[in-house]
Amino acid sequence: MQLPTNFDDLIAEANTLELYQKLIQQLNKDFLLANIDLDFHEDILPSSLKLMLHETVYKLIQEKFAEYLNLLYIVDVSESQVKALDGEDTVQLAEDVAFLILKREWQKVWYKNHY
């Protein structure tokens, strides 16, 4: 499996394989498991998804760091990938982490569909 390198590639691949709704369902499932009050509508536009996820991760980093760490654990984002990010700019960090979350969720959906 070749992982997408940016948000647009990930969404394009999800749409091509008709797995975008499954991706949203997986996000909702993991956010619920992490006890974070965020529920994406299955028909959410990709741009809205990106914005809402980015805002949520930013707020978690700023205000609820323990919940942020719990979310990363539940989603199973690689610790080494998070540590490799530049933490100087919190806004950029939140955007990068949001993409890592989406990328990991995409892996789960792709594997479930493929095998």
Protein backbone atom coordinates (compact mmCIF):
# COMPACT_ATOMS: atom_id res chain seq x y z
CA MET A 1 0.00 0.00 0.00
CA GLN A 2 1.34 3.40 -1.04
CA LEU A 3 0.26 6.00 1.51
CA PRO A 4 -0.90 9.40 0.26
CA THR A 5 1.53 12.23 0.92
CA ASN A 6 -1.03 15.00 1.36
CA PHE A 7 -4.68 15.60 2.19
CA ASP A 8 -5.84 16.04 -1.41
CA ASP A 9 -4.23 12.77 -2.54
CA LEU A 10 -5.79 10.92 0.39
CA ILE A 11 -9.29 12.25 -0.37
CA ALA A 12 -8.88 11.57 -4.11
CA GLU A 13 -7.88 7.96 -3.41
CA ALA A 14 -10.74 7.50 -0.93
CA ASN A 15 -13.23 8.84 -3.49
CA THR A 16 -11.77 6.75 -6.31
CA LEU A 17 -12.13 3.58 -4.24
CA GLU A 18 -15.54 4.77 -2.96
CA LEU A 19 -14.35 4.57 0.65
CA TYR A 20 -14.78 8.21 1.72
CA GLN A 21 -17.86 7.43 3.84
CA LYS A 22 -16.05 4.50 5.46
CA LEU A 23 -13.21 6.89 6.33
CA ILE A 24 -15.70 9.24 8.01
CA GLN A 25 -17.28 6.31 9.89
CA GLN A 26 -13.85 5.19 11.12
CA LEU A 27 -13.02 8.72 12.28
CA ASN A 28 -16.33 8.95 14.14
CA LYS A 29 -15.77 5.55 15.74
CA ASP A 30 -12.29 6.43 17.02
CA PHE A 31 -13.30 9.89 18.23
CA LEU A 32 -16.16 8.29 20.16
CA LEU A 33 -13.75 5.73 21.66
CA ALA A 34 -11.45 8.61 22.67
CA ASN A 35 -14.42 10.29 24.35
CA ILE A 36 -14.13 13.40 22.16
CA ASP A 37 -17.38 15.10 21.26
CA LEU A 38 -17.01 15.37 17.51
CA ASP A 39 -19.26 13.65 15.01
CA PHE A 40 -18.67 14.17 11.30
CA HIS A 41 -21.71 13.89 9.04
CA GLU A 42 -21.11 11.22 6.39
CA ASP A 43 -21.74 13.75 3.60
CA ILE A 44 -19.22 16.29 4.94
CA LEU A 45 -17.19 18.05 2.28
CA PRO A 46 -13.47 17.19 2.35
CA SER A 47 -12.57 20.85 2.92
CA SER A 48 -14.90 21.01 5.94
CA LEU A 49 -13.50 17.73 7.24
CA LYS A 50 -9.95 19.07 7.03
CA LEU A 51 -10.91 22.33 8.78
CA MET A 52 -12.92 20.70 11.57
CA LEU A 53 -10.27 18.07 12.25
CA HIS A 54 -7.52 20.70 12.29
CA GLU A 55 -9.50 22.94 14.69
CA THR A 56 -10.28 20.02 16.99
CA VAL A 57 -6.67 18.83 17.16
CA TYR A 58 -5.52 22.41 17.81
CA LYS A 59 -8.00 22.84 20.70
CA LEU A 60 -6.98 19.48 22.16
CA ILE A 61 -3.29 20.41 22.07
CA GLN A 62 -3.98 23.80 23.65
CA GLU A 63 -6.65 22.92 26.23
CA LYS A 64 -6.93 19.15 26.74
CA PHE A 65 -3.52 17.61 26.20
CA ALA A 66 -4.35 14.32 27.96
CA GLU A 67 -7.35 13.83 25.64
CA TYR A 68 -5.11 14.67 22.67
CA LEU A 69 -2.63 11.96 23.68
CA ASN A 70 -5.49 9.51 24.24
CA LEU A 71 -6.83 10.23 20.75
CA LEU A 72 -3.41 9.57 19.21
CA TYR A 73 -3.26 6.30 21.14
CA ILE A 74 -6.75 5.19 20.08
CA VAL A 75 -6.19 6.10 16.44
CA ASP A 76 -2.75 4.44 16.69
CA VAL A 77 -0.72 7.29 15.22
CA SER A 78 2.98 6.45 15.19
CA GLU A 79 4.77 8.12 18.09
CA SER A 80 7.92 8.51 16.02
CA GLN A 81 5.99 10.36 13.30
CA VAL A 82 4.54 12.78 15.85
CA LYS A 83 7.93 13.33 17.47
CA ALA A 84 9.44 14.06 14.05
CA LEU A 85 7.11 17.04 13.57
CA ASP A 86 8.20 20.59 14.36
CA GLY A 87 6.44 21.71 17.54
CA GLU A 88 7.41 25.40 17.33
CA ASP A 89 4.19 26.50 15.58
CA THR A 90 1.15 24.94 17.25
CA VAL A 91 -1.15 25.74 14.32
CA GLN A 92 1.15 23.94 11.88
CA LEU A 93 1.65 21.09 14.33
CA ALA A 94 -2.12 20.64 14.64
CA GLU A 95 -2.47 20.55 10.85
CA ASP A 96 0.31 17.97 10.52
CA VAL A 97 -1.12 15.80 13.31
CA ALA A 98 -4.59 16.03 11.76
CA PHE A 99 -3.12 14.64 8.54
CA LEU A 100 -1.34 11.85 10.44
CA ILE A 101 -4.68 10.94 12.05
CA LEU A 102 -6.42 10.90 8.68
CA LYS A 103 -3.61 8.89 7.13
CA ARG A 104 -3.77 6.24 9.88
CA GLU A 105 -7.56 6.07 9.64
CA TRP A 106 -7.21 5.67 5.88
CA GLN A 107 -4.84 2.72 6.42
CA LYS A 108 -7.44 1.02 8.62
CA VAL A 109 -10.24 1.56 6.10
CA TRP A 110 -8.11 0.48 3.14
CA TYR A 111 -6.95 -2.73 4.86
CA LYS A 112 -10.47 -3.64 6.01
CA ASN A 113 -11.74 -3.15 2.47
CA HIS A 114 -8.83 -4.91 0.78
CA TYR A 115 -8.51 -8.01 2.97
